[in-house]
Amino acid sequence: AYTTIAADVMCRYKRMKGYDVMFLTGTDEHGQKIQQSAQEKGLTPMELADRTVLNFRQLWEALDISNDDFIRTTEERHFRTVQAIFKHLMDQGDIYKGKYQGWYCVPCETYVPESGMGEDKTCPDCKRPLQMMEEESYFFRASKYVPQLLEYYEKNLRAVMPRSRYNEIVSFLKSGVRDQSVSRTTLKWGIPVPGDDAHVIYVWFDALINYATACGYLDDREKFAKFWPSVHHLVGKDIIRFHCVVWPIMLLALGINPPVTVFAHGWWTVEGDKMSKSKGNVVNPFEMIERYGRDAFRYFLLREVPLGLDGDFSEAALAGRINSDLANDLGNLLNRTLQMVDNFCGGVLPPAPAPGEIEKEVEALALKTLKAADENISDFAFDEALKAIWAFISRGNKYIDETMPWKLAREGREEDLRRVLNTLWDVLRLAALQVAPFMPDASRKLWEQLGLEGDPLAFPLDSLAWGDRPGEVRVKKSRVLFPRIDMAAWKKEKEARDARKTAPAALPEEPEHEEQIGIENFRAVELRVAQILAV
C-alpha cells in the first residue's frame, strides 16, 4: 500500500502538471517461494497467484489507485518478452552456461555471499536459514558492464535516491560485482530458458523485465520510445540492489538507458515493533480504510515520515493527525469560510475588491507554496510538500483571526468583508488543488462545496491564477469534511479491539431448538458437501 500510494500521488500530480503519464503496478508471481507456498496450501502455483492478485486488485480499488496498467508476470505478453530478451543476450554472448554453488535464501530468492551472511548462516535481510545449493546455471555477464554503470551514476546523481542509497550502491559496485546466475534447474514454476527446457529463468531476471514488457518493449516500440527515456521506479529498500545493480546492467547490455531515478523507501514498524503475523500487529490497509477513510490513511502514510526513512505506524498517531491536520486545520477553515459566506452573503461569493497589504502577503505565500510543493514532490519529499501546504492552510485560519469578518459584517464594512471572503475562498481553492493528488475524495468534496464544477484532478496546475474564478459562485456547504474523533471513546474502543485479538475464540452457542421440515420438503432439498482445504 505504501509504495503504491506514493507512486499514485506522484502520477496524479504530474498529470495535473500536464505530463503524459504511464503508471504501472502489478505482481511478480514466479519462483521457488511461490511454488513451495502453493504446495503447503494444497494449491497449484497459479491458483495461489490468482488469489493473491485478487487481493491486490481489490486493495488498489479501495485506495483509489490510478494505475494505467496492472501486469502479472504470468501473462503471455511477459512470457514472450522475457524469452526474447534472454535469447538476445545469449546471442550476443552476454549469457553463458556454467555451474553455481553457494548459500541460497529461498524466501528472498537469492544467493548470499559468505561475507554477507548473518550468524549461523542466515540471510542478512530476512534472517532465515540459508541452504547450500549447487546446480548448473546460465550466467549473465554483469561484471562486464559495471564500469559503464558506474560512469552513468557519476553523471546522474539522482539516479538512486535518497542520497544514502546512492552512496550504498556506488560503494557496492566499486567493491566488485560477479556474473549473475540467471536460471534454475531445481523448480519448474517459471519461464523456461529458450531452447533449454531443463532450465527456468531466475525469478528476479524475469520479474525486473515486467517494466519493459508493459512499456511495449516487444509489442509497441512507439510506446516504448515515448515513455522509456524517462522511466522512474519506486521500490522498498530491501530490493534496491536488484533495481540499481542487476536491472540497469541488463538494460545497458540491451543498449537501453537505465532508469532516470530509482527511489528506495523505508520500512514500517508498528508502535515500535517489527510487523509480525505471530504478534498480531500487522496493519491491514482494508481495516484502516474502513475505520478512518482512505484519504486519511493516504495522508498519514506520506505525512508522518520522510519517504526514504523507516517509520513507525501508530493508530493513535493516525487519529491524532485526523483531528489536528484534517479536522482542525483544513476542515475548520472550510467550515468557517462557507458558514460566513452563507451568513453574510446568502451563500453567493460577492465580487472581489482590490487586495490590501495583508491579502498581497497571503497571495505571495500561495505562490511560494506552489513552488515548494512542486520541488518537494519532484524529489519524492511528500512529507515536506504536505508541510508547506499545511503551513498555507494554517495561514488561512490565522487570516480569519486577524481580519475578524464577523466584526466587519457587524460594522457594515462591506468592501473589507468582500475582500476577506474572496481571499479565504481562494486559499481553499488552492488547498483543494494542492491536496488533490494526496486525497482525491476530500479534494473533490472541497471543490464541490466551494461551488466549482469538474474534477480538481483534471485542473491544469500551470494555468492556476490567484483570484481567478468562473463568474458567480454559489457555495454548497455540506457535511463536515473530516469529523473529529472523540479520543476518549476511541481509546476505549481500541483497548476492546486489542483485547479481542488476544482472547481465545469463543465456541458458538447451541440453539435452543431447531426447526424441522416434513419429508416432502426434505425430498426437494439439494444437499452439497465440501471439504475446506485452506483458510
Protein backbone atom coordinates (compact mmCIF):
# COMPACT_ATOMS: atom_id res chain seq x y z
CA ALA A 1 0.00 0.00 0.00
CA TYR A 2 2.77 2.44 0.99
CA THR A 3 4.77 2.11 -2.23
CA THR A 4 1.71 2.29 -4.44
CA ILE A 5 0.12 5.28 -2.66
CA ALA A 6 3.39 7.20 -3.06
CA ALA A 7 3.54 6.31 -6.76
CA ASP A 8 -0.12 7.27 -7.18
CA VAL A 9 0.46 10.72 -5.65
CA MET A 10 3.43 11.34 -7.94
CA CYS A 11 1.48 10.27 -11.05
CA ARG A 12 -1.64 12.27 -10.18
CA TYR A 13 0.49 15.36 -9.55
CA LYS A 14 2.44 15.00 -12.80
CA ARG A 15 -0.81 14.62 -14.75
CA MET A 16 -2.04 17.88 -13.20
CA LYS A 17 1.25 19.44 -14.36
CA GLY A 18 0.48 18.43 -17.94
CA TYR A 19 2.65 15.31 -18.25
CA ASP A 20 1.53 12.27 -20.21
CA VAL A 21 1.94 9.61 -17.51
CA MET A 22 2.01 5.83 -17.65
CA PHE A 23 1.57 4.37 -14.16
CA LEU A 24 2.36 0.67 -13.83
CA THR A 25 1.92 -1.67 -10.90
CA GLY A 26 1.46 -5.43 -10.71
CA THR A 27 2.74 -8.70 -9.29
CA ASP A 28 5.75 -10.94 -9.89
CA GLU A 29 4.49 -14.49 -9.49
CA HIS A 30 7.23 -16.98 -10.32
CA GLY A 31 9.95 -18.61 -8.24
CA GLN A 32 10.69 -21.22 -5.61
CA LYS A 33 8.99 -19.33 -2.78
CA ILE A 34 5.64 -19.30 -4.62
CA GLN A 35 6.00 -22.96 -5.63
CA GLN A 36 6.71 -24.09 -2.04
CA SER A 37 3.97 -21.95 -0.53
CA ALA A 38 1.42 -23.30 -3.01
CA GLN A 39 2.41 -26.89 -2.22
CA GLU A 40 1.98 -26.26 1.51
CA LYS A 41 -1.54 -24.93 0.87
CA GLY A 42 -2.51 -27.77 -1.47
CA LEU A 43 -2.78 -25.42 -4.44
CA THR A 44 -1.11 -25.07 -7.78
CA PRO A 45 1.20 -22.03 -8.03
CA MET A 46 -1.24 -20.42 -10.45
CA GLU A 47 -4.17 -20.87 -8.05
CA LEU A 48 -2.17 -19.24 -5.27
CA ALA A 49 -1.15 -16.36 -7.56
CA ASP A 50 -4.74 -15.81 -8.70
CA ARG A 51 -5.91 -15.49 -5.10
CA THR A 52 -3.13 -13.10 -4.16
CA VAL A 53 -3.61 -10.92 -7.24
CA LEU A 54 -7.32 -10.55 -6.48
CA ASN A 55 -6.40 -9.16 -3.06
CA PHE A 56 -4.06 -6.57 -4.60
CA ARG A 57 -6.58 -5.50 -7.23
CA GLN A 58 -9.23 -5.03 -4.53
CA LEU A 59 -6.80 -3.05 -2.39
CA TRP A 60 -5.86 -0.71 -5.23
CA GLU A 61 -9.55 -0.05 -5.82
CA ALA A 62 -10.11 0.59 -2.10
CA LEU A 63 -7.17 3.03 -2.06
CA ASP A 64 -8.29 4.79 -5.28
CA ILE A 65 -5.04 3.99 -7.11
CA SER A 66 -4.98 5.50 -10.62
CA ASN A 67 -2.68 2.97 -12.34
CA ASP A 68 -2.86 2.70 -16.13
CA ASP A 69 -1.75 -0.93 -16.25
CA PHE A 70 -1.51 -3.92 -13.90
CA ILE A 71 0.97 -6.52 -15.07
CA ARG A 72 1.24 -10.13 -13.92
CA THR A 73 4.48 -11.89 -14.75
CA THR A 74 2.46 -14.99 -15.61
CA GLU A 75 0.87 -13.17 -18.57
CA GLU A 76 1.65 -14.31 -22.10
CA ARG A 77 2.93 -10.84 -23.13
CA HIS A 78 5.54 -11.00 -20.37
CA PHE A 79 6.48 -14.62 -21.14
CA ARG A 80 7.31 -13.65 -24.73
CA THR A 81 9.24 -10.52 -23.73
CA VAL A 82 11.39 -12.32 -21.16
CA GLN A 83 12.31 -15.10 -23.58
CA ALA A 84 13.08 -12.57 -26.33
CA ILE A 85 15.41 -10.57 -24.05
CA PHE A 86 17.09 -13.72 -22.69
CA LYS A 87 17.72 -15.01 -26.22
CA HIS A 88 19.00 -11.60 -27.37
CA LEU A 89 21.57 -11.57 -24.54
CA MET A 90 22.53 -15.19 -25.25
CA ASP A 91 23.04 -14.45 -28.94
CA GLN A 92 25.38 -11.54 -28.18
CA GLY A 93 27.38 -13.64 -25.70
CA ASP A 94 26.24 -11.91 -22.51
CA ILE A 95 24.57 -15.06 -21.17
CA TYR A 96 26.54 -18.33 -20.94
CA LYS A 97 26.16 -21.73 -19.25
CA GLY A 98 28.21 -22.76 -16.20
CA LYS A 99 27.92 -24.22 -12.67
CA TYR A 100 26.97 -22.42 -9.49
CA GLN A 101 27.44 -23.34 -5.85
CA GLY A 102 26.50 -21.15 -2.94
CA TRP A 103 24.29 -20.35 0.02
CA TYR A 104 20.76 -19.64 -1.13
CA CYS A 105 17.85 -17.89 0.62
CA VAL A 106 14.57 -19.37 -0.62
CA PRO A 107 12.23 -16.62 0.70
CA CYS A 108 14.40 -13.86 -0.85
CA GLU A 109 15.11 -15.95 -3.97
CA THR A 110 18.80 -15.00 -3.93
CA TYR A 111 22.29 -16.37 -3.32
CA VAL A 112 24.14 -14.77 -0.41
CA PRO A 113 27.95 -14.50 -0.40
CA GLU A 114 29.67 -15.81 2.73
CA SER A 115 30.90 -12.31 3.54
CA GLY A 116 27.29 -11.13 3.69
CA MET A 117 25.79 -13.97 5.74
CA GLY A 118 24.36 -13.40 9.21
CA GLU A 119 25.09 -15.52 12.27
CA ASP A 120 24.58 -19.29 11.89
CA LYS A 121 24.44 -18.97 8.08
CA THR A 122 21.31 -16.83 7.94
CA CYS A 123 20.08 -14.39 5.33
CA PRO A 124 21.15 -10.79 6.12
CA ASP A 125 17.74 -9.48 5.01
CA CYS A 126 15.08 -11.89 6.30
CA LYS A 127 17.26 -13.67 8.95
CA ARG A 128 16.09 -17.14 7.83
CA PRO A 129 18.49 -20.10 7.45
CA LEU A 130 20.34 -20.38 4.12
CA GLN A 131 20.58 -23.58 2.08
CA MET A 132 23.71 -24.78 0.31
CA MET A 133 22.85 -25.31 -3.35
CA GLU A 134 24.83 -26.44 -6.38
CA GLU A 135 23.34 -26.51 -9.83
CA GLU A 136 24.03 -25.99 -13.49
CA SER A 137 23.13 -22.44 -14.38
CA TYR A 138 23.13 -19.82 -17.08
CA PHE A 139 25.11 -16.73 -16.11
CA PHE A 140 24.70 -13.11 -17.13
CA ARG A 141 27.98 -11.19 -17.67
CA ALA A 142 27.13 -8.47 -15.16
CA SER A 143 30.80 -7.76 -14.39
CA LYS A 144 31.33 -6.61 -17.99
CA TYR A 145 29.00 -3.61 -17.59
CA VAL A 146 29.96 -2.40 -14.09
CA PRO A 147 32.34 0.35 -15.34
CA GLN A 148 29.63 1.63 -17.69
CA LEU A 149 27.04 1.70 -14.89
CA LEU A 150 29.44 3.48 -12.52
CA GLU A 151 30.02 6.12 -15.17
CA TYR A 152 26.23 6.53 -15.56
CA TYR A 153 25.78 7.02 -11.82
CA GLU A 154 28.66 9.50 -11.61
CA LYS A 155 26.92 11.61 -14.26
CA ASN A 156 23.41 11.15 -12.83
CA LEU A 157 23.42 11.81 -9.09
CA ARG A 158 19.64 11.44 -8.87
CA ALA A 159 19.64 8.00 -10.46
CA VAL A 160 19.45 6.41 -6.99
CA MET A 161 17.56 8.21 -4.24
CA PRO A 162 17.76 9.10 -1.40
CA ARG A 163 21.44 10.05 -1.33
CA SER A 164 22.31 7.45 1.33
CA ARG A 165 21.16 4.69 -1.06
CA TYR A 166 23.14 6.22 -3.91
CA ASN A 167 26.31 6.01 -1.81
CA GLU A 168 25.49 2.42 -0.84
CA ILE A 169 25.03 1.31 -4.47
CA VAL A 170 28.16 3.07 -5.79
CA SER A 171 30.21 1.54 -2.96
CA PHE A 172 28.77 -1.91 -3.75
CA LEU A 173 29.62 -1.58 -7.45
CA LYS A 174 33.17 -0.47 -6.68
CA SER A 175 33.68 -3.49 -4.43
CA GLY A 176 33.13 -5.76 -7.46
CA VAL A 177 30.11 -7.49 -8.97
CA ARG A 178 30.26 -11.12 -10.08
CA ASP A 179 28.44 -12.53 -13.08
CA GLN A 180 24.87 -13.31 -12.05
CA SER A 181 23.23 -16.75 -12.08
CA VAL A 182 20.04 -16.26 -14.12
CA SER A 183 18.49 -19.74 -14.33
CA ARG A 184 17.42 -22.62 -12.06
CA THR A 185 17.03 -26.35 -12.59
CA THR A 186 15.51 -27.08 -9.17
CA LEU A 187 11.99 -25.87 -9.96
CA LYS A 188 9.50 -25.68 -12.82
CA TRP A 189 7.40 -22.66 -11.79
CA GLY A 190 8.81 -20.04 -14.09
CA ILE A 191 9.58 -19.14 -17.70
CA PRO A 192 11.72 -21.77 -19.49
CA VAL A 193 15.08 -20.75 -20.93
CA PRO A 194 14.60 -20.52 -24.70
CA GLY A 195 15.96 -23.70 -26.27
CA ASP A 196 16.64 -25.43 -22.92
CA ASP A 197 13.51 -26.53 -21.03
CA ALA A 198 15.61 -28.08 -18.25
CA HIS A 199 16.27 -24.53 -17.02
CA VAL A 200 13.78 -21.98 -15.70
CA ILE A 201 14.73 -18.29 -15.87
CA TYR A 202 15.62 -16.94 -12.42
CA VAL A 203 12.67 -15.12 -10.85
CA TRP A 204 14.47 -11.80 -10.43
CA PHE A 205 15.74 -11.72 -14.02
CA ASP A 206 12.17 -12.47 -15.10
CA ALA A 207 10.44 -10.05 -12.69
CA LEU A 208 12.57 -6.99 -13.47
CA ILE A 209 11.65 -7.21 -17.14
CA ASN A 210 7.97 -6.53 -16.28
CA TYR A 211 8.61 -2.78 -16.66
CA ALA A 212 9.84 -3.23 -20.22
CA THR A 213 7.01 -5.64 -21.05
CA ALA A 214 4.26 -3.22 -20.01
CA CYS A 215 6.03 -0.30 -21.66
CA GLY A 216 5.88 -2.09 -25.02
CA TYR A 217 9.50 -3.27 -25.48
CA LEU A 218 8.41 -6.18 -27.68
CA ASP A 219 4.92 -5.29 -28.89
CA ASP A 220 4.72 -1.49 -29.11
CA ARG A 221 8.04 0.14 -29.93
CA GLU A 222 6.39 3.55 -30.41
CA LYS A 223 5.04 3.44 -26.85
CA PHE A 224 8.42 2.24 -25.56
CA ALA A 225 10.24 5.08 -27.33
CA LYS A 226 7.77 7.57 -25.85
CA PHE A 227 7.91 6.54 -22.17
CA TRP A 228 11.15 4.67 -21.53
CA PRO A 229 13.61 7.58 -21.70
CA SER A 230 12.02 8.99 -18.54
CA VAL A 231 11.21 5.86 -16.54
CA HIS A 232 11.20 6.05 -12.72
CA HIS A 233 10.93 3.23 -10.17
CA LEU A 234 9.65 3.40 -6.61
CA VAL A 235 10.68 0.36 -4.52
CA GLY A 236 11.26 -0.84 -0.97
CA LYS A 237 14.85 -0.59 0.24
CA ASP A 238 15.11 -4.40 0.52
CA ILE A 239 15.14 -4.81 -3.27
CA ILE A 240 17.34 -1.87 -4.15
CA ARG A 241 20.34 -3.94 -5.36
CA PHE A 242 18.21 -5.80 -7.87
CA HIS A 243 16.85 -2.48 -9.18
CA CYS A 244 20.06 -0.44 -9.03
CA VAL A 245 22.69 -3.05 -9.94
CA VAL A 246 21.26 -6.04 -11.81
CA TRP A 247 18.44 -4.27 -13.67
CA PRO A 248 20.40 -1.28 -15.05
CA ILE A 249 23.21 -3.62 -16.13
CA MET A 250 20.65 -5.72 -18.02
CA LEU A 251 19.40 -2.56 -19.70
CA LEU A 252 22.90 -1.41 -20.64
CA ALA A 253 23.53 -4.82 -22.20
CA LEU A 254 20.37 -4.29 -24.27
CA GLY A 255 21.52 -0.82 -25.34
CA ILE A 256 18.78 0.89 -23.30
CA ASN A 257 19.20 3.72 -20.79
CA PRO A 258 18.85 2.79 -17.09
CA PRO A 259 16.01 4.34 -15.07
CA VAL A 260 16.22 8.09 -14.53
CA THR A 261 15.54 7.51 -10.82
CA VAL A 262 15.12 4.54 -8.54
CA PHE A 263 13.78 5.77 -5.20
CA ALA A 264 14.02 3.32 -2.29
CA HIS A 265 11.59 3.96 0.54
CA GLY A 266 11.93 2.78 4.13
CA TRP A 267 10.10 0.16 6.21
CA TRP A 268 7.33 0.49 8.77
CA THR A 269 7.33 -0.77 12.32
CA VAL A 270 4.12 -0.83 14.38
CA GLU A 271 4.22 1.09 17.62
CA GLY A 272 7.93 0.35 17.93
CA ASP A 273 7.71 -3.34 16.96
CA LYS A 274 8.52 -5.10 13.70
CA MET A 275 5.34 -6.24 11.91
CA SER A 276 4.73 -9.91 12.59
CA LYS A 277 1.75 -12.20 12.00
CA SER A 278 2.62 -14.16 15.14
CA LYS A 279 2.47 -10.94 17.21
CA GLY A 280 -0.81 -9.99 15.53
CA ASN A 281 0.38 -6.43 14.85
CA VAL A 282 0.25 -6.46 11.05
CA VAL A 283 -1.52 -3.35 9.74
CA ASN A 284 -4.38 -4.33 7.44
CA PRO A 285 -4.98 -1.47 4.96
CA PHE A 286 -8.57 -2.60 4.36
CA GLU A 287 -9.31 -2.20 8.07
CA MET A 288 -7.62 1.21 8.21
CA ILE A 289 -9.64 2.41 5.21
CA GLU A 290 -12.90 1.17 6.72
CA ARG A 291 -12.16 2.71 10.13
CA TYR A 292 -10.60 6.06 9.16
CA GLY A 293 -11.25 6.55 5.43
CA ARG A 294 -8.81 6.08 2.59
CA ASP A 295 -7.89 9.76 2.30
CA ALA A 296 -6.84 9.96 5.95
CA PHE A 297 -4.82 6.74 5.59
CA ARG A 298 -3.11 8.01 2.41
CA TYR A 299 -2.35 11.36 4.04
CA PHE A 300 -0.92 9.83 7.21
CA LEU A 301 1.46 7.44 5.46
CA LEU A 302 3.05 10.21 3.40
CA ARG A 303 2.98 12.95 6.06
CA GLU A 304 4.26 11.01 9.06
CA VAL A 305 7.85 10.28 7.91
CA PRO A 306 10.17 11.20 5.01
CA LEU A 307 9.75 8.57 2.28
CA GLY A 308 13.34 7.36 2.37
CA LEU A 309 13.42 6.71 6.13
CA ASP A 310 11.88 4.00 8.27
CA GLY A 311 8.67 4.96 10.05
CA ASP A 312 6.55 3.79 12.95
CA PHE A 313 2.84 3.21 12.37
CA SER A 314 0.60 4.06 15.29
CA GLU A 315 -3.20 4.20 15.17
CA ALA A 316 -3.10 6.82 17.91
CA ALA A 317 -0.84 8.97 15.71
CA LEU A 318 -3.20 8.45 12.76
CA ALA A 319 -6.22 9.52 14.83
CA GLY A 320 -4.21 12.50 16.10
CA ARG A 321 -3.34 13.60 12.56
CA ILE A 322 -7.01 13.37 11.57
CA ASN A 323 -8.01 15.63 14.45
CA SER A 324 -5.19 18.17 14.18
CA ASP A 325 -4.36 18.42 10.46
CA LEU A 326 -7.53 17.32 8.71
CA ALA A 327 -10.36 18.31 11.05
CA ASN A 328 -8.88 21.30 12.92
CA ASP A 329 -6.84 22.89 10.13
CA LEU A 330 -8.36 22.08 6.72
CA GLY A 331 -11.89 21.14 7.81
CA ASN A 332 -12.19 24.08 10.18
CA LEU A 333 -11.03 26.57 7.54
CA LEU A 334 -13.62 25.25 5.08
CA ASN A 335 -16.49 25.22 7.59
CA ARG A 336 -15.79 28.73 8.93
CA THR A 337 -15.43 30.22 5.44
CA LEU A 338 -18.56 28.68 3.94
CA GLN A 339 -20.60 29.49 7.04
CA MET A 340 -19.63 33.16 6.75
CA VAL A 341 -20.45 33.25 3.02
CA ASP A 342 -23.85 31.76 3.92
CA ASN A 343 -24.48 34.09 6.86
CA PHE A 344 -23.24 37.35 5.36
CA CYS A 345 -23.84 36.90 1.61
CA GLY A 346 -26.69 34.41 1.25
CA GLY A 347 -24.32 31.70 0.03
CA VAL A 348 -23.11 33.66 -3.02
CA LEU A 349 -19.49 34.81 -3.08
CA PRO A 350 -19.57 38.60 -3.59
CA PRO A 351 -17.41 40.48 -6.14
CA ALA A 352 -13.78 40.89 -5.05
CA PRO A 353 -12.34 44.40 -4.46
CA ALA A 354 -8.65 45.21 -4.88
CA PRO A 355 -6.42 43.40 -2.36
CA GLY A 356 -4.88 45.13 0.62
CA GLU A 357 -1.40 44.60 2.06
CA ILE A 358 -2.31 41.53 4.10
CA GLU A 359 -4.06 39.94 1.08
CA LYS A 360 -0.96 40.52 -1.04
CA GLU A 361 1.08 38.76 1.63
CA VAL A 362 -1.32 35.74 1.55
CA GLU A 363 -1.08 35.69 -2.25
CA ALA A 364 2.74 35.73 -2.09
CA LEU A 365 2.64 32.77 0.29
CA ALA A 366 0.30 30.97 -2.12
CA LEU A 367 2.83 31.28 -4.96
CA LYS A 368 5.64 30.25 -2.63
CA THR A 369 3.62 27.19 -1.56
CA LEU A 370 3.02 26.12 -5.16
CA LYS A 371 6.76 26.30 -5.85
CA ALA A 372 7.73 24.46 -2.64
CA ALA A 373 5.20 21.69 -3.25
CA ASP A 374 6.41 21.23 -6.83
CA GLU A 375 10.07 20.99 -5.84
CA ASN A 376 9.40 18.61 -2.96
CA ILE A 377 7.06 16.28 -4.83
CA SER A 378 9.58 16.07 -7.69
CA ASP A 379 12.15 14.97 -5.08
CA PHE A 380 9.74 12.37 -3.59
CA ALA A 381 9.72 14.52 -0.42
CA PHE A 382 5.99 14.15 0.06
CA ASP A 383 6.14 14.98 3.77
CA GLU A 384 7.84 18.31 3.04
CA ALA A 385 5.30 19.13 0.34
CA LEU A 386 2.46 18.48 2.79
CA LYS A 387 4.17 20.60 5.47
CA ALA A 388 4.31 23.53 3.02
CA ILE A 389 0.66 23.06 2.02
CA TRP A 390 -0.44 22.89 5.66
CA ALA A 391 1.56 26.00 6.55
CA PHE A 392 -0.52 27.78 3.90
CA ILE A 393 -3.78 26.31 5.27
CA SER A 394 -2.76 27.45 8.77
CA ARG A 395 -2.12 30.92 7.35
CA GLY A 396 -5.73 30.89 6.13
CA ASN A 397 -7.01 30.18 9.65
CA LYS A 398 -4.76 32.87 11.08
CA TYR A 399 -6.03 35.32 8.44
CA ILE A 400 -9.59 34.82 9.75
CA ASP A 401 -8.46 35.66 13.28
CA GLU A 402 -6.56 38.73 12.01
CA THR A 403 -9.38 40.18 9.89
CA MET A 404 -12.41 39.11 12.05
CA PRO A 405 -15.01 39.01 9.23
CA TRP A 406 -17.88 38.81 11.75
CA LYS A 407 -16.81 42.20 13.12
CA LEU A 408 -16.59 43.65 9.59
CA ALA A 409 -20.16 42.48 8.93
CA ARG A 410 -21.40 43.92 12.21
CA GLU A 411 -19.77 47.27 11.48
CA GLY A 412 -21.13 47.38 7.90
CA ARG A 413 -17.67 47.41 6.29
CA GLU A 414 -18.93 45.63 3.19
CA GLU A 415 -15.88 46.16 0.94
CA ASP A 416 -13.47 44.82 3.56
CA LEU A 417 -15.77 41.85 4.17
CA ARG A 418 -15.91 41.02 0.45
CA ARG A 419 -12.11 41.23 0.25
CA VAL A 420 -11.69 38.80 3.17
CA LEU A 421 -14.24 36.25 1.96
CA ASN A 422 -12.74 36.19 -1.54
CA THR A 423 -9.24 35.72 -0.15
CA LEU A 424 -10.42 32.83 2.05
CA TRP A 425 -12.24 31.25 -0.91
CA ASP A 426 -9.05 31.44 -2.98
CA VAL A 427 -6.99 29.93 -0.14
CA LEU A 428 -9.38 26.97 -0.11
CA ARG A 429 -9.40 26.68 -3.91
CA LEU A 430 -5.61 26.44 -3.92
CA ALA A 431 -5.69 23.98 -1.00
CA ALA A 432 -8.16 21.76 -2.87
CA LEU A 433 -5.84 21.60 -5.87
CA GLN A 434 -2.72 21.02 -3.77
CA VAL A 435 -4.18 18.16 -1.72
CA ALA A 436 -5.86 16.53 -4.75
CA PRO A 437 -3.03 14.04 -5.54
CA PHE A 438 -2.82 13.02 -1.87
CA MET A 439 -6.54 12.94 -1.00
CA PRO A 440 -8.64 12.69 -4.18
CA ASP A 441 -12.00 12.20 -2.43
CA ALA A 442 -11.58 15.08 0.04
CA SER A 443 -10.35 17.35 -2.75
CA ARG A 444 -13.44 16.67 -4.87
CA LYS A 445 -15.77 17.31 -1.91
CA LEU A 446 -13.93 20.52 -1.07
CA TRP A 447 -14.06 21.63 -4.71
CA GLU A 448 -17.81 20.99 -4.89
CA GLN A 449 -18.51 22.84 -1.62
CA LEU A 450 -16.62 25.84 -2.99
CA GLY A 451 -19.19 25.93 -5.82
CA LEU A 452 -16.75 24.78 -8.50
CA GLU A 453 -17.53 22.28 -11.28
CA GLY A 454 -15.49 19.42 -12.69
CA ASP A 455 -12.73 17.41 -11.05
CA PRO A 456 -9.84 19.27 -9.40
CA LEU A 457 -7.52 16.46 -10.53
CA ALA A 458 -8.25 17.47 -14.13
CA PHE A 459 -7.30 21.11 -13.45
CA PRO A 460 -4.08 22.17 -15.23
CA LEU A 461 -1.92 23.39 -12.34
CA ASP A 462 0.34 25.51 -14.52
CA SER A 463 -2.62 27.68 -15.54
CA LEU A 464 -3.59 28.39 -11.92
CA ALA A 465 -4.01 32.10 -11.25
CA TRP A 466 -4.74 33.73 -7.89
CA GLY A 467 -8.12 35.46 -7.79
CA ASP A 468 -9.38 33.66 -10.91
CA ARG A 469 -12.97 32.46 -10.62
CA PRO A 470 -15.74 31.43 -13.06
CA GLY A 471 -18.30 34.25 -12.72
CA GLU A 472 -20.85 33.99 -9.90
CA VAL A 473 -20.00 31.34 -7.34
CA ARG A 474 -22.64 29.83 -5.06
CA VAL A 475 -21.03 27.81 -2.28
CA LYS A 476 -22.60 24.50 -1.22
CA LYS A 477 -21.93 23.91 2.44
CA SER A 478 -22.28 20.20 3.11
CA ARG A 479 -21.22 17.60 5.65
CA VAL A 480 -18.05 18.09 7.66
CA LEU A 481 -15.06 17.08 5.54
CA PHE A 482 -13.22 15.26 8.36
CA PRO A 483 -15.26 14.64 11.53
CA ARG A 484 -13.27 14.92 14.77
CA ILE A 485 -12.52 11.69 16.61
CA ASP A 486 -13.52 11.55 20.27
CA MET A 487 -10.17 10.32 21.64
CA ALA A 488 -11.61 9.09 24.96
CA ALA A 489 -14.15 6.91 23.15
CA TRP A 490 -11.52 5.92 20.57
CA LYS A 491 -9.16 4.74 23.32
CA LYS A 492 -11.83 2.51 24.89
CA GLU A 493 -12.76 1.05 21.51
CA LYS A 494 -9.09 0.39 20.67
CA GLU A 495 -8.48 -1.36 24.01
CA ALA A 496 -11.54 -3.56 23.40
CA ARG A 497 -10.26 -4.43 19.92
CA ASP A 498 -6.82 -5.31 21.22
CA ALA A 499 -8.36 -7.49 23.92
CA ARG A 500 -10.41 -9.39 21.33
CA LYS A 501 -7.23 -10.11 19.34
CA THR A 502 -5.58 -11.83 22.30
CA ALA A 503 -8.69 -13.58 23.70
CA PRO A 504 -9.36 -17.26 22.78
CA ALA A 505 -12.10 -17.73 20.22
CA ALA A 506 -15.49 -18.46 21.78
CA LEU A 507 -17.46 -21.51 20.68
CA PRO A 508 -20.85 -20.77 19.12
CA GLU A 509 -23.79 -21.33 21.45
CA GLU A 510 -26.12 -24.25 20.71
CA PRO A 511 -29.56 -23.09 19.56
CA GLU A 512 -32.41 -23.77 21.95
CA HIS A 513 -34.35 -25.66 19.26
CA GLU A 514 -34.08 -26.39 15.56
CA GLU A 515 -36.98 -26.05 13.16
CA GLN A 516 -37.79 -29.20 11.20
CA ILE A 517 -39.37 -29.79 7.79
CA GLY A 518 -41.62 -32.56 6.53
CA ILE A 519 -40.49 -35.44 4.28
CA GLU A 520 -42.00 -33.86 1.15
CA ASN A 521 -39.99 -30.66 1.67
CA PHE A 522 -36.93 -32.71 2.54
CA ARG A 523 -37.08 -34.53 -0.81
CA ALA A 524 -36.91 -31.14 -2.55
CA VAL A 525 -33.71 -30.13 -0.73
CA GLU A 526 -30.43 -30.39 -2.64
CA LEU A 527 -27.56 -31.25 -0.31
CA ARG A 528 -23.96 -30.38 -1.18
CA VAL A 529 -20.88 -31.29 0.83
CA ALA A 530 -17.49 -29.59 0.60
CA GLN A 531 -14.18 -30.05 2.36
CA ILE A 532 -12.28 -26.93 3.39
CA LEU A 533 -8.71 -27.29 2.11
CA ALA A 534 -7.25 -24.00 3.23
CA VAL A 535 -8.24 -20.90 5.17
